[in-house]
Amino acid sequence: MHQVDTAFLRRLRARDERAWFELWEAFGPVVRGTLYRWGNGRLGEETLRDLTQDTLAALTDSIERFDPQRGVRFSTWLLAIAKHVLGDEMDRRYALKRGAGKRGASLDDSWMGQSREPQPDAIYERRVMSAKVHSAIRCAQKRSEFVHFEAYRLRVLESRSGREIGVLLGVSEPTVTRHCQRVRDVLREELRNAIEQWSFTEDERAEPVRAGLAVEDALFDEALGEIWRAQEEILALDLRAQMAARDRDPKRGQA
């Protein structure tokens, strides 16, 4: 079996708290949103948080056994683990209702095979790709000077003009262009790092090309901005749905 072996995964195996936080920051929202959709709004905030943590913990525990040579994408593997964790929770609740002590199924290598269940849908795959892009953006922000990144954020993520950004930041328009180029170069590097870190198959490594992120600067900015804004809209919809469910039945927030 080919074992995935990167510096980041070695940190996960070593229980590096920072690595765990990076995993949570990148994919916590993806898992949480997926669990919320599966639960049809019936899972409370505390339960969603616990199940998300359990999913990522199970991913970390089983990462040494993950075999990308079976052709399974990282996103499919993560989804299978989330299904297992949610199913185990439902079994536990059912057992408690019946007064029985049913034991949950174990997470064995069968979860890395090609599932007969429905494969990840377009929304889920888009969220996983967006999570990688968001991770790259956060890393680029940490590496960049504040004014440089702010210029790029306003130009690309908010679609402001160079002239307007120059006025807001107190610099010339050519300086805004130079700031954006510096950040863009860092972003390309961080995006390559994010794709390499969480892409275990050739199909996944080709995602940036399909998403329009392997092109010249203007088109790169346009594709990046579209991915970012689409993900923000999805997260906003999730939040509104959660708030609506809570308003309909406040007790659900305590489930």
C-alpha atoms as a PDB file:
ATOM      1  CA  MET A   1       0.000   0.000   0.000  1.00  0.00           C
ATOM      2  CA  HIS A   2       1.278   3.468  -0.866  1.00  0.00           C
ATOM      3  CA  GLN A   3       1.182   5.653   2.242  1.00  0.00           C
ATOM      4  CA  VAL A   4       0.699   9.376   1.890  1.00  0.00           C
ATOM      5  CA  ASP A   5       3.738  11.011   3.443  1.00  0.00           C
ATOM      6  CA  THR A   6       4.067  14.780   3.580  1.00  0.00           C
ATOM      7  CA  ALA A   7       5.449  17.093   6.239  1.00  0.00           C
ATOM      8  CA  PHE A   8       1.920  18.152   7.151  1.00  0.00           C
ATOM      9  CA  LEU A   9       0.635  14.602   7.522  1.00  0.00           C
ATOM     10  CA  ARG A  10       3.632  13.711   9.658  1.00  0.00           C
ATOM     11  CA  ARG A  11       2.658  16.593  11.918  1.00  0.00           C
ATOM     12  CA  LEU A  12      -0.887  15.234  12.142  1.00  0.00           C
ATOM     13  CA  ARG A  13       0.394  11.789  13.091  1.00  0.00           C
ATOM     14  CA  ALA A  14       2.584  13.400  15.742  1.00  0.00           C
ATOM     15  CA  ARG A  15      -0.525  15.134  17.179  1.00  0.00           C
ATOM     16  CA  ASP A  16       0.846  18.573  16.399  1.00  0.00           C
ATOM     17  CA  GLU A  17      -1.821  20.955  17.753  1.00  0.00           C
ATOM     18  CA  ARG A  18      -1.067  23.540  15.081  1.00  0.00           C
ATOM     19  CA  ALA A  19      -1.560  20.961  12.335  1.00  0.00           C
ATOM     20  CA  TRP A  20      -4.893  19.984  13.888  1.00  0.00           C
ATOM     21  CA  PHE A  21      -5.953  23.631  13.917  1.00  0.00           C
ATOM     22  CA  GLU A  22      -5.002  24.012  10.242  1.00  0.00           C
ATOM     23  CA  LEU A  23      -7.089  20.948   9.408  1.00  0.00           C
ATOM     24  CA  TRP A  24     -10.044  22.307  11.378  1.00  0.00           C
ATOM     25  CA  GLU A  25      -9.714  25.772   9.851  1.00  0.00           C
ATOM     26  CA  ALA A  26      -9.620  24.447   6.294  1.00  0.00           C
ATOM     27  CA  PHE A  27     -12.200  21.648   6.355  1.00  0.00           C
ATOM     28  CA  GLY A  28     -14.248  22.200   9.505  1.00  0.00           C
ATOM     29  CA  PRO A  29     -16.768  24.409   7.641  1.00  0.00           C
ATOM     30  CA  VAL A  30     -17.015  21.844   4.810  1.00  0.00           C
ATOM     31  CA  VAL A  31     -17.780  18.973   7.182  1.00  0.00           C
ATOM     32  CA  ARG A  32     -20.114  21.042   9.313  1.00  0.00           C
ATOM     33  CA  GLY A  33     -22.108  22.262   6.302  1.00  0.00           C
ATOM     34  CA  THR A  34     -22.387  18.726   4.951  1.00  0.00           C
ATOM     35  CA  LEU A  35     -23.572  17.319   8.285  1.00  0.00           C
ATOM     36  CA  TYR A  36     -26.101  20.128   8.583  1.00  0.00           C
ATOM     37  CA  ARG A  37     -27.514  19.307   5.137  1.00  0.00           C
ATOM     38  CA  TRP A  38     -27.745  15.608   5.995  1.00  0.00           C
ATOM     39  CA  GLY A  39     -29.470  16.386   9.281  1.00  0.00           C
ATOM     40  CA  ASN A  40     -32.083  18.598   7.581  1.00  0.00           C
ATOM     41  CA  GLY A  41     -31.668  21.181  10.322  1.00  0.00           C
ATOM     42  CA  ARG A  42     -32.367  18.694  13.132  1.00  0.00           C
ATOM     43  CA  LEU A  43     -28.823  18.694  14.530  1.00  0.00           C
ATOM     44  CA  GLY A  44     -28.082  21.362  17.110  1.00  0.00           C
ATOM     45  CA  GLU A  45     -25.005  23.570  17.226  1.00  0.00           C
ATOM     46  CA  GLU A  46     -23.248  21.535  19.908  1.00  0.00           C
ATOM     47  CA  THR A  47     -23.916  18.255  18.113  1.00  0.00           C
ATOM     48  CA  LEU A  48     -22.657  19.647  14.808  1.00  0.00           C
ATOM     49  CA  ARG A  49     -19.476  20.856  16.460  1.00  0.00           C
ATOM     50  CA  ASP A  50     -18.876  17.513  18.165  1.00  0.00           C
ATOM     51  CA  LEU A  51     -19.539  15.491  14.995  1.00  0.00           C
ATOM     52  CA  THR A  52     -17.247  17.756  12.980  1.00  0.00           C
ATOM     53  CA  GLN A  53     -14.471  17.271  15.530  1.00  0.00           C
ATOM     54  CA  ASP A  54     -15.073  13.517  15.538  1.00  0.00           C
ATOM     55  CA  THR A  55     -14.868  13.409  11.724  1.00  0.00           C
ATOM     56  CA  LEU A  56     -11.563  15.258  11.589  1.00  0.00           C
ATOM     57  CA  ALA A  57     -10.188  13.211  14.483  1.00  0.00           C
ATOM     58  CA  ALA A  58     -11.115   9.999  12.637  1.00  0.00           C
ATOM     59  CA  LEU A  59      -9.439  11.353   9.518  1.00  0.00           C
ATOM     60  CA  THR A  60      -6.260  12.024  11.475  1.00  0.00           C
ATOM     61  CA  ASP A  61      -6.329   8.598  13.144  1.00  0.00           C
ATOM     62  CA  SER A  62      -6.763   6.734   9.857  1.00  0.00           C
ATOM     63  CA  ILE A  63      -4.515   8.831   7.650  1.00  0.00           C
ATOM     64  CA  GLU A  64      -1.677   6.312   7.642  1.00  0.00           C
ATOM     65  CA  ARG A  65      -4.014   3.728   6.081  1.00  0.00           C
ATOM     66  CA  PHE A  66      -5.296   5.992   3.321  1.00  0.00           C
ATOM     67  CA  ASP A  67      -4.349   4.567  -0.066  1.00  0.00           C
ATOM     68  CA  PRO A  68      -4.673   7.028  -2.988  1.00  0.00           C
ATOM     69  CA  GLN A  69      -3.723   4.263  -5.423  1.00  0.00           C
ATOM     70  CA  ARG A  70      -7.291   3.015  -5.102  1.00  0.00           C
ATOM     71  CA  GLY A  71      -8.307   6.133  -6.995  1.00  0.00           C
ATOM     72  CA  VAL A  72     -10.195   7.685  -4.080  1.00  0.00           C
ATOM     73  CA  ARG A  73     -10.127  11.469  -3.864  1.00  0.00           C
ATOM     74  CA  PHE A  74      -9.456  13.205  -0.562  1.00  0.00           C
ATOM     75  CA  SER A  75     -12.928  14.745  -0.739  1.00  0.00           C
ATOM     76  CA  THR A  76     -14.570  11.310  -1.165  1.00  0.00           C
ATOM     77  CA  TRP A  77     -12.573   9.885   1.722  1.00  0.00           C
ATOM     78  CA  LEU A  78     -13.526  12.799   3.984  1.00  0.00           C
ATOM     79  CA  LEU A  79     -17.191  12.398   3.026  1.00  0.00           C
ATOM     80  CA  ALA A  80     -17.116   8.653   3.807  1.00  0.00           C
ATOM     81  CA  ILE A  81     -15.681   9.336   7.259  1.00  0.00           C
ATOM     82  CA  ALA A  82     -18.340  11.983   7.925  1.00  0.00           C
ATOM     83  CA  LYS A  83     -21.054   9.486   6.911  1.00  0.00           C
ATOM     84  CA  HIS A  84     -19.574   6.923   9.283  1.00  0.00           C
ATOM     85  CA  VAL A  85     -19.429   9.379  12.194  1.00  0.00           C
ATOM     86  CA  LEU A  86     -23.001  10.585  11.639  1.00  0.00           C
ATOM     87  CA  GLY A  87     -24.274   7.007  11.263  1.00  0.00           C
ATOM     88  CA  ASP A  88     -22.542   6.015  14.484  1.00  0.00           C
ATOM     89  CA  GLU A  89     -24.201   8.948  16.259  1.00  0.00           C
ATOM     90  CA  MET A  90     -27.621   7.966  14.921  1.00  0.00           C
ATOM     91  CA  ASP A  91     -27.034   4.357  16.060  1.00  0.00           C
ATOM     92  CA  ARG A  92     -26.106   5.621  19.513  1.00  0.00           C
ATOM     93  CA  ARG A  93     -29.248   7.744  19.774  1.00  0.00           C
ATOM     94  CA  TYR A  94     -31.423   4.870  18.577  1.00  0.00           C
ATOM     95  CA  ALA A  95     -29.811   2.544  21.095  1.00  0.00           C
ATOM     96  CA  LEU A  96     -30.409   5.018  23.918  1.00  0.00           C
ATOM     97  CA  LYS A  97     -34.063   5.325  22.959  1.00  0.00           C
ATOM     98  CA  ARG A  98     -34.445   1.552  23.017  1.00  0.00           C
ATOM     99  CA  GLY A  99     -32.399   1.194  26.189  1.00  0.00           C
ATOM    100  CA  ALA A 100     -29.843  -0.978  24.408  1.00  0.00           C
ATOM    101  CA  GLY A 101     -26.108  -0.680  24.187  1.00  0.00           C
ATOM    102  CA  LYS A 102     -25.518  -1.021  20.484  1.00  0.00           C
ATOM    103  CA  ARG A 103     -21.897  -0.683  19.568  1.00  0.00           C
ATOM    104  CA  GLY A 104     -20.951   1.525  16.627  1.00  0.00           C
ATOM    105  CA  ALA A 105     -19.247   0.131  13.574  1.00  0.00           C
ATOM    106  CA  SER A 106     -15.478   0.428  13.279  1.00  0.00           C
ATOM    107  CA  LEU A 107     -13.793   2.678  10.736  1.00  0.00           C
ATOM    108  CA  ASP A 108     -11.805   0.135   8.744  1.00  0.00           C
ATOM    109  CA  ASP A 109     -10.184   0.150   5.317  1.00  0.00           C
ATOM    110  CA  SER A 110     -13.498  -0.493   3.599  1.00  0.00           C
ATOM    111  CA  TRP A 111     -14.191   3.236   3.906  1.00  0.00           C
ATOM    112  CA  MET A 112     -11.349   3.827   1.462  1.00  0.00           C
ATOM    113  CA  GLY A 113     -12.904   1.704  -1.267  1.00  0.00           C
ATOM    114  CA  GLN A 114     -15.191   2.887  -4.023  1.00  0.00           C
ATOM    115  CA  SER A 115     -18.505   3.409  -2.295  1.00  0.00           C
ATOM    116  CA  ARG A 116     -21.760   2.146  -3.786  1.00  0.00           C
ATOM    117  CA  GLU A 117     -23.499   5.069  -2.157  1.00  0.00           C
ATOM    118  CA  PRO A 118     -24.066   8.331  -4.063  1.00  0.00           C
ATOM    119  CA  GLN A 119     -20.777  10.112  -4.703  1.00  0.00           C
ATOM    120  CA  PRO A 120     -20.087  13.686  -3.556  1.00  0.00           C
ATOM    121  CA  ASP A 121     -22.359  16.195  -5.262  1.00  0.00           C
ATOM    122  CA  ALA A 122     -21.313  19.408  -7.000  1.00  0.00           C
ATOM    123  CA  ILE A 123     -21.922  21.572  -3.930  1.00  0.00           C
ATOM    124  CA  TYR A 124     -19.719  19.397  -1.758  1.00  0.00           C
ATOM    125  CA  GLU A 125     -16.889  19.203  -4.317  1.00  0.00           C
ATOM    126  CA  ARG A 126     -17.040  22.961  -4.783  1.00  0.00           C
ATOM    127  CA  ARG A 127     -16.775  23.450  -1.041  1.00  0.00           C
ATOM    128  CA  VAL A 128     -13.733  21.207  -0.811  1.00  0.00           C
ATOM    129  CA  MET A 129     -11.991  23.074  -3.618  1.00  0.00           C
ATOM    130  CA  SER A 130     -12.967  26.385  -2.046  1.00  0.00           C
ATOM    131  CA  ALA A 131     -11.538  25.194   1.272  1.00  0.00           C
ATOM    132  CA  LYS A 132      -8.169  24.662  -0.409  1.00  0.00           C
ATOM    133  CA  VAL A 133      -8.362  28.093  -2.034  1.00  0.00           C
ATOM    134  CA  HIS A 134      -9.353  29.728   1.257  1.00  0.00           C
ATOM    135  CA  SER A 135      -6.447  28.018   2.982  1.00  0.00           C
ATOM    136  CA  ALA A 136      -4.091  29.416   0.337  1.00  0.00           C
ATOM    137  CA  ILE A 137      -5.557  32.898   0.740  1.00  0.00           C
ATOM    138  CA  ARG A 138      -5.145  32.796   4.535  1.00  0.00           C
ATOM    139  CA  CYS A 139      -1.529  31.668   4.212  1.00  0.00           C
ATOM    140  CA  ALA A 140      -0.812  34.373   1.633  1.00  0.00           C
ATOM    141  CA  GLN A 141      -2.358  36.971   3.924  1.00  0.00           C
ATOM    142  CA  LYS A 142      -0.081  35.928   6.782  1.00  0.00           C
ATOM    143  CA  ARG A 143       2.981  36.154   4.532  1.00  0.00           C
ATOM    144  CA  SER A 144       2.090  39.517   2.991  1.00  0.00           C
ATOM    145  CA  GLU A 145       2.341  43.029   4.343  1.00  0.00           C
ATOM    146  CA  PHE A 146      -1.036  44.377   5.439  1.00  0.00           C
ATOM    147  CA  VAL A 147      -1.208  47.156   2.827  1.00  0.00           C
ATOM    148  CA  HIS A 148      -0.164  44.783   0.041  1.00  0.00           C
ATOM    149  CA  PHE A 149      -2.803  42.205   0.859  1.00  0.00           C
ATOM    150  CA  GLU A 150      -5.467  44.850   1.426  1.00  0.00           C
ATOM    151  CA  ALA A 151      -4.811  46.207  -2.051  1.00  0.00           C
ATOM    152  CA  TYR A 152      -5.229  42.748  -3.551  1.00  0.00           C
ATOM    153  CA  ARG A 153      -8.323  41.990  -1.466  1.00  0.00           C
ATOM    154  CA  LEU A 154     -10.035  45.198  -2.537  1.00  0.00           C
ATOM    155  CA  ARG A 155      -9.019  44.735  -6.165  1.00  0.00           C
ATOM    156  CA  VAL A 156      -9.867  41.060  -6.605  1.00  0.00           C
ATOM    157  CA  LEU A 157     -12.240  39.996  -3.861  1.00  0.00           C
ATOM    158  CA  GLU A 158     -14.264  43.241  -3.854  1.00  0.00           C
ATOM    159  CA  SER A 159     -13.706  44.224  -7.506  1.00  0.00           C
ATOM    160  CA  ARG A 160     -12.657  47.797  -6.677  1.00  0.00           C
ATOM    161  CA  SER A 161     -10.783  49.896  -9.246  1.00  0.00           C
ATOM    162  CA  GLY A 162      -7.071  50.615  -8.898  1.00  0.00           C
ATOM    163  CA  ARG A 163      -7.783  54.332  -8.667  1.00  0.00           C
ATOM    164  CA  GLU A 164     -10.319  53.848  -5.857  1.00  0.00           C
ATOM    165  CA  ILE A 165      -7.958  51.561  -3.930  1.00  0.00           C
ATOM    166  CA  GLY A 166      -5.142  54.085  -4.293  1.00  0.00           C
ATOM    167  CA  VAL A 167      -7.314  56.758  -2.682  1.00  0.00           C
ATOM    168  CA  LEU A 168      -8.348  54.447   0.152  1.00  0.00           C
ATOM    169  CA  LEU A 169      -4.776  53.350   0.910  1.00  0.00           C
ATOM    170  CA  GLY A 170      -3.072  56.639   0.177  1.00  0.00           C
ATOM    171  CA  VAL A 171      -0.834  55.305  -2.606  1.00  0.00           C
ATOM    172  CA  SER A 172      -0.587  55.749  -6.359  1.00  0.00           C
ATOM    173  CA  GLU A 173      -2.391  53.478  -8.803  1.00  0.00           C
ATOM    174  CA  PRO A 174       0.907  51.987 -10.108  1.00  0.00           C
ATOM    175  CA  THR A 175       1.807  51.162  -6.503  1.00  0.00           C
ATOM    176  CA  VAL A 176      -1.512  49.344  -6.115  1.00  0.00           C
ATOM    177  CA  THR A 177      -0.606  47.292  -9.187  1.00  0.00           C
ATOM    178  CA  ARG A 178       2.798  46.393  -7.708  1.00  0.00           C
ATOM    179  CA  HIS A 179       1.201  45.440  -4.371  1.00  0.00           C
ATOM    180  CA  CYS A 180      -1.269  43.165  -6.161  1.00  0.00           C
ATOM    181  CA  GLN A 181       1.485  41.486  -8.147  1.00  0.00           C
ATOM    182  CA  ARG A 182       3.461  40.705  -4.992  1.00  0.00           C
ATOM    183  CA  VAL A 183       0.436  39.143  -3.336  1.00  0.00           C
ATOM    184  CA  ARG A 184      -0.538  37.289  -6.514  1.00  0.00           C
ATOM    185  CA  ASP A 185       2.888  35.675  -6.679  1.00  0.00           C
ATOM    186  CA  VAL A 186       2.577  34.539  -3.052  1.00  0.00           C
ATOM    187  CA  LEU A 187      -0.952  33.289  -3.698  1.00  0.00           C
ATOM    188  CA  ARG A 188       0.138  31.150  -6.635  1.00  0.00           C
ATOM    189  CA  GLU A 189       2.801  29.561  -4.441  1.00  0.00           C
ATOM    190  CA  GLU A 190       0.420  28.979  -1.539  1.00  0.00           C
ATOM    191  CA  LEU A 191      -2.224  27.559  -3.853  1.00  0.00           C
ATOM    192  CA  ARG A 192       0.301  25.039  -5.166  1.00  0.00           C
ATOM    193  CA  ASN A 193       1.126  24.151  -1.559  1.00  0.00           C
ATOM    194  CA  ALA A 194      -2.553  23.736  -0.620  1.00  0.00           C
ATOM    195  CA  ILE A 195      -3.312  21.558  -3.647  1.00  0.00           C
ATOM    196  CA  GLU A 196      -0.260  19.407  -2.984  1.00  0.00           C
ATOM    197  CA  GLN A 197      -1.118  19.104   0.704  1.00  0.00           C
ATOM    198  CA  TRP A 198      -4.688  17.924   0.179  1.00  0.00           C
ATOM    199  CA  SER A 199      -4.595  16.313  -3.260  1.00  0.00           C
ATOM    200  CA  PHE A 200      -3.636  12.644  -3.379  1.00  0.00           C
ATOM    201  CA  THR A 201      -4.699  11.735  -6.927  1.00  0.00           C
ATOM    202  CA  GLU A 202      -3.824  13.146 -10.335  1.00  0.00           C
ATOM    203  CA  ASP A 203      -7.454  14.178 -10.798  1.00  0.00           C
ATOM    204  CA  GLU A 204      -7.288  16.357  -7.695  1.00  0.00           C
ATOM    205  CA  ARG A 205      -3.961  17.871  -8.709  1.00  0.00           C
ATOM    206  CA  ALA A 206      -5.596  18.994 -11.949  1.00  0.00           C
ATOM    207  CA  GLU A 207      -8.287  20.941 -10.081  1.00  0.00           C
ATOM    208  CA  PRO A 208      -6.572  24.357 -10.404  1.00  0.00           C
ATOM    209  CA  VAL A 209      -6.481  23.987 -14.186  1.00  0.00           C
ATOM    210  CA  ARG A 210     -10.191  23.111 -14.344  1.00  0.00           C
ATOM    211  CA  ALA A 211     -10.981  25.991 -12.004  1.00  0.00           C
ATOM    212  CA  GLY A 212      -9.112  28.487 -14.199  1.00  0.00           C
ATOM    213  CA  LEU A 213      -6.321  29.091 -11.683  1.00  0.00           C
ATOM    214  CA  ALA A 214      -3.413  28.127 -13.950  1.00  0.00           C
ATOM    215  CA  VAL A 215      -3.682  31.085 -16.312  1.00  0.00           C
ATOM    216  CA  GLU A 216      -2.379  34.624 -16.762  1.00  0.00           C
ATOM    217  CA  ASP A 217      -2.764  37.180 -13.997  1.00  0.00           C
ATOM    218  CA  ALA A 218      -6.071  38.820 -14.944  1.00  0.00           C
ATOM    219  CA  LEU A 219      -7.871  35.524 -15.498  1.00  0.00           C
ATOM    220  CA  PHE A 220      -6.277  34.063 -12.356  1.00  0.00           C
ATOM    221  CA  ASP A 221      -7.648  36.961 -10.322  1.00  0.00           C
ATOM    222  CA  GLU A 222     -11.083  36.583 -11.881  1.00  0.00           C
ATOM    223  CA  ALA A 223     -11.244  32.829 -11.187  1.00  0.00           C
ATOM    224  CA  LEU A 224      -9.968  33.251  -7.629  1.00  0.00           C
ATOM    225  CA  GLY A 225     -12.488  35.983  -6.912  1.00  0.00           C
ATOM    226  CA  GLU A 226     -15.366  33.894  -8.257  1.00  0.00           C
ATOM    227  CA  ILE A 227     -14.416  30.907  -6.103  1.00  0.00           C
ATOM    228  CA  TRP A 228     -14.075  33.079  -3.023  1.00  0.00           C
ATOM    229  CA  ARG A 229     -17.398  34.862  -3.501  1.00  0.00           C
ATOM    230  CA  ALA A 230     -19.273  31.654  -4.329  1.00  0.00           C
ATOM    231  CA  GLN A 231     -18.035  30.063  -1.121  1.00  0.00           C
ATOM    232  CA  GLU A 232     -19.018  33.128   0.894  1.00  0.00           C
ATOM    233  CA  GLU A 233     -22.533  32.884  -0.555  1.00  0.00           C
ATOM    234  CA  ILE A 234     -22.753  29.183   0.346  1.00  0.00           C
ATOM    235  CA  LEU A 235     -21.626  29.862   3.910  1.00  0.00           C
ATOM    236  CA  ALA A 236     -24.124  32.702   4.191  1.00  0.00           C
ATOM    237  CA  LEU A 237     -26.941  30.433   2.988  1.00  0.00           C
ATOM    238  CA  ASP A 238     -25.917  27.812   5.554  1.00  0.00           C
ATOM    239  CA  LEU A 239     -25.992  30.395   8.306  1.00  0.00           C
ATOM    240  CA  ARG A 240     -29.432  31.697   7.293  1.00  0.00           C
ATOM    241  CA  ALA A 241     -30.793  28.136   7.149  1.00  0.00           C
ATOM    242  CA  GLN A 242     -29.427  27.388  10.624  1.00  0.00           C
ATOM    243  CA  MET A 243     -30.919  30.568  12.061  1.00  0.00           C
ATOM    244  CA  ALA A 244     -34.293  29.830  10.421  1.00  0.00           C
ATOM    245  CA  ALA A 245     -34.309  26.296  11.863  1.00  0.00           C
ATOM    246  CA  ARG A 246     -33.454  27.667  15.296  1.00  0.00           C
ATOM    247  CA  ASP A 247     -36.274  30.212  15.068  1.00  0.00           C
ATOM    248  CA  ARG A 248     -38.757  27.455  14.145  1.00  0.00           C
ATOM    249  CA  ASP A 249     -37.692  25.240  17.018  1.00  0.00           C
ATOM    250  CA  PRO A 250     -35.321  26.817  19.602  1.00  0.00           C
ATOM    251  CA  LYS A 251     -34.820  23.402  21.264  1.00  0.00           C
ATOM    252  CA  ARG A 252     -32.941  22.183  18.189  1.00  0.00           C
ATOM    253  CA  GLY A 253     -30.090  24.472  19.037  1.00  0.00           C
ATOM    254  CA  GLN A 254     -29.601  22.420  22.194  1.00  0.00           C
ATOM    255  CA  ALA A 255     -29.716  18.963  20.542  1.00  0.00           C
END
